Amino acid sequence: MNYFISDTHFYHYQLLEPNDFAPRHFDNVEMMNQAMIDAWNQRVHETDTVYHLGDISMRPQDYPTDEETFDILKQLKGHMVLIKGNHDYRSLFKYLDKHNQIMDDGLPKFKFEDVGALLKFDHNQFYCTHYPMFLGKVDQIINLHGHIHHYSMPTAENINVGVDAPERDYLSEDLPWGSPLRGEEIIEMYEKKKQDLARLQRK
């Protein structure tokens, strides 16, 4: 099964409340990191794949070392397709590739994408990128993205899958904060966002 997430920002202490940008309600980064690790591992199995759409970790003025970020990622279940975000560095991807491991199913733990990935789900196409993209008039293409944290693009075809994303409020199931999202949940978010935007246009 495939899952989707973005903007975990492990170690990013400046996102702890209070702040004016995507406040995270934890006393310290250790609690924040552990909450995301637990939410991930409650859903994901070792044979699943998680598409991480960028900004894995961050520590302003003192970025976490590649080893520190690797220490977090190796605690997370499943395979990962890592799409480069604006706070992800080439050195990190090189380090992860050097320390990549072959899992029990014969596939590597990490795969890497500089720009994005395109995959099919239930007659739809998911175009996974870090930055939201204006695709124009499209049919059954949904842009999964991150980058803008607690903001939302004003088009249904742009679904923010970041841990702080407002689209998560559309879900009928109350997921633990930081949970990766399944394809069915993406479609639920898309349909409800489309209905919401249509109501706003009629006003």
N, C-alpha and C. Protein backbone atom coordinates (compact mmCIF):
# COMPACT_ATOMS: atom_id res chain seq x y z
N MET A 1 0.84 -1.19 0.00
CA MET A 1 0.00 0.00 0.00
C MET A 1 0.88 1.24 0.00
N ASN A 2 0.41 2.28 -0.68
CA ASN A 2 1.12 3.56 -0.73
C ASN A 2 0.52 4.56 0.26
N TYR A 3 1.39 5.33 0.86
CA TYR A 3 1.00 6.41 1.76
C TYR A 3 1.71 7.69 1.33
N PHE A 4 1.19 8.84 1.84
CA PHE A 4 1.71 10.13 1.41
C PHE A 4 1.81 11.07 2.61
N ILE A 5 2.90 11.83 2.64
CA ILE A 5 3.11 12.79 3.73
C ILE A 5 4.11 13.85 3.26
N SER A 6 4.13 14.97 3.93
CA SER A 6 5.10 16.01 3.60
C SER A 6 5.38 16.87 4.83
N ASP A 7 6.49 17.58 4.77
CA ASP A 7 6.82 18.62 5.75
C ASP A 7 6.79 18.13 7.18
N THR A 8 7.43 17.00 7.42
CA THR A 8 7.55 16.52 8.80
C THR A 8 8.40 17.48 9.64
N HIS A 9 9.40 18.08 9.05
CA HIS A 9 10.25 19.04 9.77
C HIS A 9 10.70 18.49 11.12
N PHE A 10 11.19 17.27 11.14
CA PHE A 10 11.77 16.74 12.37
C PHE A 10 12.84 17.70 12.88
N TYR A 11 12.89 17.87 14.19
CA TYR A 11 13.86 18.72 14.90
C TYR A 11 13.56 20.22 14.81
N HIS A 12 12.53 20.64 14.11
CA HIS A 12 12.31 22.08 13.86
C HIS A 12 11.64 22.73 15.08
N TYR A 13 12.46 23.17 16.02
CA TYR A 13 11.94 23.70 17.28
C TYR A 13 11.15 24.98 17.11
N GLN A 14 11.41 25.74 16.03
CA GLN A 14 10.69 27.00 15.85
C GLN A 14 9.23 26.80 15.47
N LEU A 15 8.83 25.58 15.16
CA LEU A 15 7.41 25.32 14.89
C LEU A 15 6.63 24.99 16.16
N LEU A 16 7.31 24.82 17.27
CA LEU A 16 6.59 24.58 18.52
C LEU A 16 5.81 25.83 18.91
N GLU A 17 4.63 25.62 19.50
CA GLU A 17 3.84 26.79 19.89
C GLU A 17 4.54 27.57 21.01
N PRO A 18 4.30 28.87 21.16
CA PRO A 18 3.45 29.67 20.26
C PRO A 18 4.25 30.21 19.08
N ASN A 19 3.63 30.21 17.91
CA ASN A 19 4.20 30.90 16.76
C ASN A 19 3.06 31.19 15.80
N ASP A 20 3.31 32.04 14.85
CA ASP A 20 2.26 32.46 13.91
C ASP A 20 2.21 31.59 12.66
N PHE A 21 3.09 30.59 12.58
CA PHE A 21 3.16 29.78 11.38
C PHE A 21 3.11 28.30 11.75
N ALA A 22 1.95 27.68 11.52
CA ALA A 22 1.78 26.24 11.73
C ALA A 22 2.27 25.79 13.10
N PRO A 23 1.71 26.35 14.19
CA PRO A 23 2.17 25.96 15.52
C PRO A 23 1.92 24.48 15.82
N ARG A 24 2.90 23.84 16.40
CA ARG A 24 2.79 22.43 16.79
C ARG A 24 2.76 22.36 18.31
N HIS A 25 1.76 21.67 18.83
CA HIS A 25 1.44 21.77 20.25
C HIS A 25 2.19 20.72 21.07
N PHE A 26 3.50 20.91 21.16
CA PHE A 26 4.35 20.03 21.94
C PHE A 26 5.29 20.87 22.79
N ASP A 27 5.74 20.28 23.89
CA ASP A 27 6.64 21.00 24.79
C ASP A 27 8.07 21.05 24.28
N ASN A 28 8.45 20.07 23.46
CA ASN A 28 9.82 20.03 22.95
C ASN A 28 9.85 19.21 21.66
N VAL A 29 10.97 19.29 20.94
CA VAL A 29 11.06 18.59 19.65
C VAL A 29 11.11 17.08 19.83
N GLU A 30 11.61 16.61 20.95
CA GLU A 30 11.63 15.16 21.17
C GLU A 30 10.21 14.60 21.19
N MET A 31 9.29 15.31 21.85
CA MET A 31 7.89 14.88 21.87
C MET A 31 7.27 14.97 20.48
N MET A 32 7.58 16.05 19.77
CA MET A 32 7.06 16.22 18.41
C MET A 32 7.57 15.12 17.49
N ASN A 33 8.87 14.87 17.52
CA ASN A 33 9.45 13.81 16.69
C ASN A 33 8.81 12.47 16.99
N GLN A 34 8.66 12.16 18.27
CA GLN A 34 8.12 10.84 18.65
C GLN A 34 6.67 10.69 18.23
N ALA A 35 5.90 11.78 18.30
CA ALA A 35 4.50 11.72 17.87
C ALA A 35 4.40 11.34 16.40
N MET A 36 5.28 11.91 15.56
CA MET A 36 5.25 11.58 14.14
C MET A 36 5.74 10.17 13.88
N ILE A 37 6.75 9.74 14.61
CA ILE A 37 7.24 8.37 14.47
C ILE A 37 6.13 7.38 14.83
N ASP A 38 5.45 7.62 15.96
CA ASP A 38 4.39 6.72 16.41
C ASP A 38 3.22 6.70 15.43
N ALA A 39 2.81 7.88 14.95
CA ALA A 39 1.68 7.94 14.01
C ALA A 39 2.02 7.20 12.72
N TRP A 40 3.22 7.36 12.24
CA TRP A 40 3.69 6.67 11.03
C TRP A 40 3.64 5.16 11.23
N ASN A 41 4.25 4.69 12.30
CA ASN A 41 4.40 3.25 12.50
C ASN A 41 3.11 2.54 12.89
N GLN A 42 2.11 3.30 13.36
CA GLN A 42 0.81 2.70 13.63
C GLN A 42 0.07 2.34 12.34
N ARG A 43 0.40 3.00 11.24
CA ARG A 43 -0.31 2.79 9.97
C ARG A 43 0.49 1.97 8.97
N VAL A 44 1.77 2.21 8.92
CA VAL A 44 2.60 1.70 7.83
C VAL A 44 3.21 0.35 8.21
N HIS A 45 3.17 -0.59 7.25
CA HIS A 45 3.83 -1.89 7.42
C HIS A 45 5.14 -1.88 6.64
N GLU A 46 6.01 -2.83 6.93
CA GLU A 46 7.35 -2.84 6.34
C GLU A 46 7.31 -2.97 4.82
N THR A 47 6.26 -3.58 4.29
CA THR A 47 6.17 -3.75 2.84
C THR A 47 5.48 -2.59 2.13
N ASP A 48 4.97 -1.62 2.89
CA ASP A 48 4.31 -0.45 2.31
C ASP A 48 5.35 0.56 1.82
N THR A 49 4.88 1.50 1.01
CA THR A 49 5.74 2.59 0.52
C THR A 49 5.14 3.92 0.91
N VAL A 50 5.95 4.78 1.50
CA VAL A 50 5.52 6.13 1.87
C VAL A 50 6.22 7.13 0.96
N TYR A 51 5.43 7.92 0.27
CA TYR A 51 5.96 9.03 -0.54
C TYR A 51 6.08 10.25 0.37
N HIS A 52 7.31 10.64 0.65
CA HIS A 52 7.56 11.82 1.49
C HIS A 52 7.87 12.97 0.55
N LEU A 53 7.00 14.00 0.57
CA LEU A 53 7.05 15.05 -0.44
C LEU A 53 7.91 16.24 -0.03
N GLY A 54 8.89 15.99 0.82
CA GLY A 54 9.89 17.01 1.06
C GLY A 54 9.87 17.65 2.43
N ASP A 55 11.00 18.29 2.76
CA ASP A 55 11.26 18.93 4.05
C ASP A 55 11.17 17.91 5.17
N ILE A 56 12.13 17.01 5.16
CA ILE A 56 12.16 15.92 6.15
C ILE A 56 12.48 16.47 7.53
N SER A 57 13.55 17.24 7.63
CA SER A 57 13.99 17.72 8.94
C SER A 57 14.55 19.13 8.81
N MET A 58 14.61 19.82 9.96
CA MET A 58 15.12 21.19 9.93
C MET A 58 15.39 21.67 11.35
N ARG A 59 16.53 22.35 11.49
CA ARG A 59 16.84 23.01 12.75
C ARG A 59 17.47 24.36 12.39
N PRO A 60 16.72 25.45 12.48
CA PRO A 60 17.25 26.75 12.03
C PRO A 60 18.57 27.10 12.71
N GLN A 61 19.46 27.68 11.92
CA GLN A 61 20.80 28.07 12.34
C GLN A 61 21.72 26.88 12.66
N ASP A 62 21.16 25.72 12.83
CA ASP A 62 21.98 24.55 13.18
C ASP A 62 21.25 23.31 12.67
N TYR A 63 21.33 23.10 11.37
CA TYR A 63 20.56 22.01 10.77
C TYR A 63 20.95 20.68 11.38
N PRO A 64 20.01 19.76 11.55
CA PRO A 64 20.40 18.45 12.06
C PRO A 64 21.40 17.81 11.10
N THR A 65 22.33 17.06 11.66
CA THR A 65 23.29 16.38 10.82
C THR A 65 22.59 15.31 9.99
N ASP A 66 23.25 14.87 8.94
CA ASP A 66 22.70 13.79 8.13
C ASP A 66 22.49 12.54 8.98
N GLU A 67 23.40 12.31 9.91
CA GLU A 67 23.28 11.15 10.80
C GLU A 67 22.05 11.24 11.69
N GLU A 68 21.75 12.44 12.19
CA GLU A 68 20.57 12.62 13.05
C GLU A 68 19.28 12.37 12.27
N THR A 69 19.23 12.88 11.04
CA THR A 69 18.03 12.64 10.23
C THR A 69 17.91 11.16 9.87
N PHE A 70 19.00 10.52 9.54
CA PHE A 70 18.99 9.09 9.25
C PHE A 70 18.52 8.30 10.47
N ASP A 71 18.92 8.73 11.65
CA ASP A 71 18.50 8.04 12.88
C ASP A 71 16.98 8.07 13.04
N ILE A 72 16.35 9.18 12.64
CA ILE A 72 14.88 9.26 12.66
C ILE A 72 14.29 8.33 11.59
N LEU A 73 14.79 8.44 10.36
CA LEU A 73 14.18 7.71 9.25
C LEU A 73 14.29 6.21 9.41
N LYS A 74 15.35 5.73 10.01
CA LYS A 74 15.48 4.28 10.15
C LYS A 74 14.55 3.72 11.23
N GLN A 75 13.92 4.61 12.00
CA GLN A 75 12.90 4.16 12.96
C GLN A 75 11.53 4.00 12.31
N LEU A 76 11.37 4.50 11.08
CA LEU A 76 10.08 4.52 10.40
C LEU A 76 9.92 3.27 9.54
N LYS A 77 8.75 2.66 9.61
CA LYS A 77 8.48 1.44 8.85
C LYS A 77 8.31 1.72 7.36
N GLY A 78 8.57 0.69 6.57
CA GLY A 78 8.25 0.74 5.15
C GLY A 78 9.36 1.30 4.29
N HIS A 79 9.11 1.26 2.98
CA HIS A 79 9.98 1.89 2.00
C HIS A 79 9.61 3.36 1.89
N MET A 80 10.55 4.17 1.43
CA MET A 80 10.29 5.60 1.27
C MET A 80 10.75 6.08 -0.09
N VAL A 81 9.89 6.85 -0.75
CA VAL A 81 10.29 7.61 -1.93
C VAL A 81 10.41 9.06 -1.47
N LEU A 82 11.61 9.57 -1.47
CA LEU A 82 11.89 10.90 -0.93
C LEU A 82 11.98 11.91 -2.06
N ILE A 83 11.04 12.85 -2.08
CA ILE A 83 11.01 13.92 -3.08
C ILE A 83 11.62 15.17 -2.45
N LYS A 84 12.59 15.75 -3.11
CA LYS A 84 13.39 16.81 -2.51
C LYS A 84 12.56 18.07 -2.26
N GLY A 85 12.58 18.54 -1.02
CA GLY A 85 11.96 19.80 -0.66
C GLY A 85 12.99 20.91 -0.59
N ASN A 86 12.54 22.13 -0.34
CA ASN A 86 13.47 23.26 -0.31
C ASN A 86 14.38 23.25 0.91
N HIS A 87 14.05 22.45 1.93
CA HIS A 87 14.92 22.33 3.10
C HIS A 87 15.64 20.98 3.14
N ASP A 88 15.61 20.24 2.05
CA ASP A 88 16.36 18.99 1.96
C ASP A 88 17.63 19.24 1.16
N TYR A 89 18.72 18.68 1.61
CA TYR A 89 20.00 18.97 0.99
C TYR A 89 20.57 17.75 0.27
N ARG A 90 21.30 18.03 -0.79
CA ARG A 90 21.90 16.95 -1.58
C ARG A 90 22.76 16.05 -0.72
N SER A 91 23.45 16.64 0.26
CA SER A 91 24.32 15.84 1.13
C SER A 91 23.51 14.80 1.90
N LEU A 92 22.28 15.16 2.31
CA LEU A 92 21.44 14.21 3.03
C LEU A 92 21.07 13.04 2.14
N PHE A 93 20.63 13.33 0.92
CA PHE A 93 20.24 12.26 0.02
C PHE A 93 21.43 11.36 -0.30
N LYS A 94 22.61 11.94 -0.46
CA LYS A 94 23.81 11.14 -0.71
C LYS A 94 24.13 10.26 0.51
N TYR A 95 23.96 10.81 1.70
CA TYR A 95 24.22 10.04 2.91
C TYR A 95 23.24 8.88 3.03
N LEU A 96 21.96 9.16 2.78
CA LEU A 96 20.95 8.10 2.88
C LEU A 96 21.18 7.02 1.82
N ASP A 97 21.58 7.44 0.64
CA ASP A 97 21.86 6.47 -0.41
C ASP A 97 23.05 5.58 -0.04
N LYS A 98 24.07 6.20 0.55
CA LYS A 98 25.26 5.45 0.98
C LYS A 98 24.91 4.43 2.06
N HIS A 99 23.95 4.78 2.92
CA HIS A 99 23.58 3.90 4.03
C HIS A 99 22.25 3.18 3.75
N ASN A 100 21.84 3.18 2.51
CA ASN A 100 20.59 2.50 2.13
C ASN A 100 20.69 1.01 2.47
N GLN A 101 19.56 0.42 2.77
CA GLN A 101 19.54 -1.00 3.09
C GLN A 101 18.52 -1.72 2.24
N ILE A 102 18.81 -2.96 1.92
CA ILE A 102 17.86 -3.80 1.23
C ILE A 102 16.98 -4.48 2.27
N MET A 103 15.68 -4.31 2.14
CA MET A 103 14.75 -4.85 3.13
C MET A 103 14.39 -6.29 2.80
N ASP A 104 13.58 -6.89 3.65
CA ASP A 104 13.28 -8.32 3.54
C ASP A 104 12.62 -8.69 2.22
N ASP A 105 11.94 -7.74 1.57
CA ASP A 105 11.29 -8.04 0.29
C ASP A 105 12.23 -7.82 -0.89
N GLY A 106 13.51 -7.54 -0.61
CA GLY A 106 14.49 -7.39 -1.67
C GLY A 106 14.58 -6.01 -2.27
N LEU A 107 13.82 -5.05 -1.75
CA LEU A 107 13.80 -3.69 -2.27
C LEU A 107 14.52 -2.74 -1.32
N PRO A 108 15.10 -1.65 -1.84
CA PRO A 108 15.81 -0.72 -0.96
C PRO A 108 14.86 0.07 -0.08
N LYS A 109 15.38 0.50 1.07
CA LYS A 109 14.61 1.33 1.99
C LYS A 109 14.26 2.67 1.36
N PHE A 110 15.24 3.31 0.69
CA PHE A 110 15.06 4.65 0.16
C PHE A 110 15.17 4.69 -1.36
N LYS A 111 14.30 5.48 -1.98
CA LYS A 111 14.44 5.90 -3.36
C LYS A 111 14.33 7.41 -3.38
N PHE A 112 14.85 8.04 -4.42
CA PHE A 112 14.98 9.49 -4.42
C PHE A 112 14.44 10.10 -5.71
N GLU A 113 13.76 11.24 -5.57
CA GLU A 113 13.26 12.00 -6.71
C GLU A 113 13.58 13.48 -6.48
N ASP A 114 14.17 14.12 -7.49
CA ASP A 114 14.50 15.54 -7.35
C ASP A 114 13.27 16.44 -7.49
N VAL A 115 12.36 16.08 -8.39
CA VAL A 115 11.24 16.97 -8.71
C VAL A 115 9.91 16.39 -8.29
N GLY A 116 9.60 15.17 -8.69
CA GLY A 116 8.30 14.62 -8.35
C GLY A 116 8.15 13.19 -8.84
N ALA A 117 6.97 12.64 -8.57
CA ALA A 117 6.66 11.28 -8.97
C ALA A 117 5.20 11.23 -9.40
N LEU A 118 4.91 10.42 -10.40
CA LEU A 118 3.56 10.26 -10.92
C LEU A 118 3.14 8.81 -10.74
N LEU A 119 1.98 8.60 -10.12
CA LEU A 119 1.49 7.24 -9.95
C LEU A 119 -0.02 7.21 -10.06
N LYS A 120 -0.55 6.04 -10.35
CA LYS A 120 -1.99 5.87 -10.55
C LYS A 120 -2.64 5.37 -9.27
N PHE A 121 -3.88 5.83 -9.06
CA PHE A 121 -4.69 5.32 -7.95
C PHE A 121 -6.16 5.42 -8.33
N ASP A 122 -6.82 4.29 -8.44
CA ASP A 122 -8.27 4.23 -8.62
C ASP A 122 -8.76 5.19 -9.72
N HIS A 123 -8.25 5.01 -10.93
CA HIS A 123 -8.63 5.80 -12.10
C HIS A 123 -8.19 7.26 -12.02
N ASN A 124 -7.37 7.59 -11.04
CA ASN A 124 -6.80 8.93 -10.93
C ASN A 124 -5.29 8.84 -11.05
N GLN A 125 -4.68 9.97 -11.31
CA GLN A 125 -3.23 10.07 -11.26
C GLN A 125 -2.83 11.03 -10.15
N PHE A 126 -1.91 10.61 -9.31
CA PHE A 126 -1.36 11.46 -8.27
C PHE A 126 -0.01 11.98 -8.76
N TYR A 127 0.08 13.29 -8.91
CA TYR A 127 1.35 13.91 -9.26
C TYR A 127 1.94 14.48 -7.97
N CYS A 128 2.96 13.83 -7.45
CA CYS A 128 3.52 14.15 -6.14
C CYS A 128 4.71 15.08 -6.28
N THR A 129 4.60 16.28 -5.72
CA THR A 129 5.66 17.28 -5.77
C THR A 129 5.78 17.94 -4.40
N HIS A 130 6.88 18.63 -4.18
CA HIS A 130 6.98 19.39 -2.93
C HIS A 130 6.17 20.67 -3.03
N TYR A 131 6.41 21.43 -4.08
CA TYR A 131 5.70 22.70 -4.27
C TYR A 131 4.35 22.45 -4.94
N PRO A 132 3.30 23.17 -4.53
CA PRO A 132 2.03 23.05 -5.25
C PRO A 132 2.17 23.55 -6.68
N MET A 133 1.48 22.90 -7.60
CA MET A 133 1.60 23.23 -9.01
C MET A 133 0.23 23.57 -9.58
N PHE A 134 0.18 24.63 -10.37
CA PHE A 134 -1.05 24.95 -11.10
C PHE A 134 -1.04 24.16 -12.40
N LEU A 135 -1.88 23.14 -12.47
CA LEU A 135 -1.88 22.25 -13.62
C LEU A 135 -2.84 22.70 -14.71
N GLY A 136 -3.63 23.73 -14.45
CA GLY A 136 -4.61 24.16 -15.43
C GLY A 136 -5.79 23.21 -15.48
N LYS A 137 -6.44 23.12 -16.61
CA LYS A 137 -7.60 22.25 -16.77
C LYS A 137 -7.12 20.80 -16.89
N VAL A 138 -7.46 19.99 -15.91
CA VAL A 138 -7.00 18.61 -15.89
C VAL A 138 -8.19 17.68 -15.65
N ASP A 139 -7.99 16.43 -15.99
CA ASP A 139 -9.02 15.42 -15.78
C ASP A 139 -8.40 14.25 -15.02
N GLN A 140 -8.83 14.07 -13.79
CA GLN A 140 -8.40 12.95 -12.96
C GLN A 140 -6.90 13.00 -12.63
N ILE A 141 -6.35 14.19 -12.55
CA ILE A 141 -4.98 14.38 -12.06
C ILE A 141 -5.05 15.23 -10.80
N ILE A 142 -4.51 14.72 -9.72
CA ILE A 142 -4.49 15.43 -8.45
C ILE A 142 -3.05 15.68 -8.06
N ASN A 143 -2.72 16.93 -7.80
CA ASN A 143 -1.37 17.30 -7.38
C ASN A 143 -1.28 17.19 -5.86
N LEU A 144 -0.57 16.20 -5.38
CA LEU A 144 -0.27 16.08 -3.95
C LEU A 144 1.00 16.87 -3.69
N HIS A 145 0.99 17.72 -2.67
CA HIS A 145 2.12 18.60 -2.42
C HIS A 145 2.23 18.88 -0.93
N GLY A 146 3.25 19.62 -0.60
CA GLY A 146 3.44 20.12 0.75
C GLY A 146 3.79 21.59 0.69
N HIS A 147 4.83 21.97 1.42
CA HIS A 147 5.49 23.28 1.37
C HIS A 147 4.75 24.40 2.08
N ILE A 148 3.41 24.45 1.98
CA ILE A 148 2.70 25.63 2.49
C ILE A 148 2.07 25.39 3.87
N HIS A 149 2.39 24.26 4.49
CA HIS A 149 2.01 23.96 5.87
C HIS A 149 0.51 24.14 6.12
N HIS A 150 0.09 25.14 6.88
CA HIS A 150 -1.32 25.23 7.26
C HIS A 150 -2.14 26.05 6.27
N TYR A 151 -1.60 26.27 5.07
CA TYR A 151 -2.36 26.95 4.01
C TYR A 151 -2.88 25.93 3.01
N SER A 152 -3.85 26.37 2.23
CA SER A 152 -4.47 25.50 1.24
C SER A 152 -4.58 26.24 -0.08
N MET A 153 -4.29 25.55 -1.18
CA MET A 153 -4.47 26.13 -2.51
C MET A 153 -5.97 26.20 -2.83
N PRO A 154 -6.40 27.22 -3.57
CA PRO A 154 -7.84 27.42 -3.81
C PRO A 154 -8.38 26.58 -4.97
N THR A 155 -7.77 25.43 -5.22
CA THR A 155 -8.25 24.52 -6.26
C THR A 155 -8.32 23.11 -5.67
N ALA A 156 -9.36 22.38 -6.02
CA ALA A 156 -9.56 21.04 -5.47
C ALA A 156 -8.47 20.08 -5.91
N GLU A 157 -7.89 20.33 -7.09
CA GLU A 157 -6.89 19.42 -7.63
C GLU A 157 -5.53 19.53 -6.93
N ASN A 158 -5.38 20.52 -6.05
CA ASN A 158 -4.17 20.64 -5.23
C ASN A 158 -4.49 20.20 -3.82
N ILE A 159 -3.92 19.08 -3.40
CA ILE A 159 -4.17 18.56 -2.06
C ILE A 159 -2.87 18.60 -1.26
N ASN A 160 -2.90 19.36 -0.18
CA ASN A 160 -1.76 19.47 0.71
C ASN A 160 -1.74 18.24 1.63
N VAL A 161 -0.65 17.47 1.57
CA VAL A 161 -0.55 16.26 2.41
C VAL A 161 0.43 16.46 3.56
N GLY A 162 0.82 17.71 3.81
CA GLY A 162 1.72 17.99 4.92
C GLY A 162 1.07 17.66 6.26
N VAL A 163 1.89 17.47 7.27
CA VAL A 163 1.35 17.11 8.59
C VAL A 163 0.48 18.21 9.18
N ASP A 164 0.68 19.47 8.73
CA ASP A 164 -0.09 20.61 9.25
C ASP A 164 -1.21 21.04 8.31
N ALA A 165 -1.49 20.24 7.28
CA ALA A 165 -2.38 20.68 6.20
C ALA A 165 -3.83 20.85 6.66
N PRO A 166 -4.49 21.94 6.25
CA PRO A 166 -5.91 22.12 6.60
C PRO A 166 -6.82 21.11 5.92
N GLU A 167 -6.41 20.54 4.77
CA GLU A 167 -7.24 19.54 4.10
C GLU A 167 -7.50 18.32 4.97
N ARG A 168 -6.65 18.08 5.94
CA ARG A 168 -6.85 16.94 6.83
C ARG A 168 -8.16 17.06 7.62
N ASP A 169 -8.67 18.27 7.76
CA ASP A 169 -9.95 18.46 8.46
C ASP A 169 -11.12 17.86 7.70
N TYR A 170 -10.94 17.58 6.41
CA TYR A 170 -12.01 16.96 5.61
C TYR A 170 -12.18 15.47 5.92
N LEU A 171 -11.22 14.85 6.56
CA LEU A 171 -11.26 13.41 6.76
C LEU A 171 -12.34 13.02 7.76
N SER A 172 -13.07 11.96 7.44
CA SER A 172 -14.10 11.48 8.36
C SER A 172 -13.49 10.77 9.55
N GLU A 173 -12.29 10.22 9.39
CA GLU A 173 -11.58 9.57 10.49
C GLU A 173 -10.62 10.56 11.12
N ASP A 174 -10.65 10.64 12.45
CA ASP A 174 -9.76 11.55 13.17
C ASP A 174 -8.41 10.86 13.37
N LEU A 175 -7.47 11.13 12.48
CA LEU A 175 -6.18 10.46 12.52
C LEU A 175 -5.25 11.13 13.54
N PRO A 176 -4.36 10.36 14.13
CA PRO A 176 -3.33 10.97 14.98
C PRO A 176 -2.51 11.97 14.19
N TRP A 177 -2.13 13.06 14.83
CA TRP A 177 -1.36 14.09 14.16
C TRP A 177 -0.06 13.49 13.60
N GLY A 178 0.22 13.83 12.34
CA GLY A 178 1.44 13.34 11.71
C GLY A 178 1.28 12.04 10.96
N SER A 179 0.05 11.54 10.82
CA SER A 179 -0.16 10.27 10.12
C SER A 179 0.04 10.42 8.62
N PRO A 180 0.75 9.49 7.98
CA PRO A 180 0.75 9.44 6.52
C PRO A 180 -0.65 9.10 6.02
N LEU A 181 -0.97 9.53 4.82
CA LEU A 181 -2.33 9.40 4.27
C LEU A 181 -2.40 8.32 3.20
N ARG A 182 -3.50 7.56 3.20
CA ARG A 182 -3.75 6.55 2.17
C ARG A 182 -4.41 7.20 0.96
N GLY A 183 -4.37 6.49 -0.16
CA GLY A 183 -4.99 6.99 -1.38
C GLY A 183 -6.46 7.27 -1.22
N GLU A 184 -7.18 6.39 -0.51
CA GLU A 184 -8.62 6.60 -0.30
C GLU A 184 -8.88 7.89 0.47
N GLU A 185 -8.00 8.23 1.39
CA GLU A 185 -8.16 9.45 2.16
C GLU A 185 -7.87 10.69 1.29
N ILE A 186 -6.93 10.56 0.37
CA ILE A 186 -6.67 11.65 -0.57
C ILE A 186 -7.92 11.94 -1.39
N ILE A 187 -8.56 10.89 -1.88
CA ILE A 187 -9.77 11.07 -2.69
C ILE A 187 -10.89 11.69 -1.85
N GLU A 188 -11.04 11.27 -0.61
CA GLU A 188 -12.05 11.88 0.27
C GLU A 188 -11.78 13.37 0.44
N MET A 189 -10.53 13.73 0.68
CA MET A 189 -10.17 15.14 0.83
C MET A 189 -10.46 15.91 -0.45
N TYR A 190 -10.12 15.32 -1.58
CA TYR A 190 -10.34 15.97 -2.87
C TYR A 190 -11.83 16.20 -3.12
N GLU A 191 -12.67 15.19 -2.90
CA GLU A 191 -14.11 15.33 -3.16
C GLU A 191 -14.74 16.37 -2.24
N LYS A 192 -14.38 16.37 -0.98
CA LYS A 192 -14.96 17.31 -0.04
C LYS A 192 -14.45 18.73 -0.27
N LYS A 193 -13.19 18.86 -0.65
CA LYS A 193 -12.66 20.19 -0.97
C LYS A 193 -13.35 20.74 -2.21
N LYS A 194 -13.58 19.88 -3.20
CA LYS A 194 -14.27 20.31 -4.43
C LYS A 194 -15.68 20.80 -4.10
N GLN A 195 -16.39 20.08 -3.24
CA GLN A 195 -17.73 20.51 -2.84
C GLN A 195 -17.69 21.82 -2.08
N ASP A 196 -16.71 21.97 -1.22
CA ASP A 196 -16.55 23.18 -0.43
C ASP A 196 -16.31 24.39 -1.34
N LEU A 197 -15.43 24.23 -2.29
CA LEU A 197 -15.12 25.34 -3.21
C LEU A 197 -16.31 25.68 -4.09
N ALA A 198 -17.08 24.67 -4.47
CA ALA A 198 -18.28 24.92 -5.29
C ALA A 198 -19.31 25.72 -4.51
N ARG A 199 -19.47 25.42 -3.22
CA ARG A 199 -20.39 26.18 -2.36
C ARG A 199 -19.95 27.63 -2.25
N LEU A 200 -18.64 27.84 -2.10
CA LEU A 200 -18.14 29.20 -1.99
C LEU A 200 -18.37 30.00 -3.27
N GLN A 201 -18.25 29.35 -4.40
CA GLN A 201 -18.45 30.03 -5.68
C GLN A 201 -19.91 30.42 -5.90
N ARG A 202 -20.82 29.66 -5.31
CA ARG A 202 -22.26 29.95 -5.48
C ARG A 202 -22.71 31.12 -4.61
N LYS A 203 -21.92 31.46 -3.62
CA LYS A 203 -22.32 32.55 -2.72
C LYS A 203 -22.13 33.91 -3.37
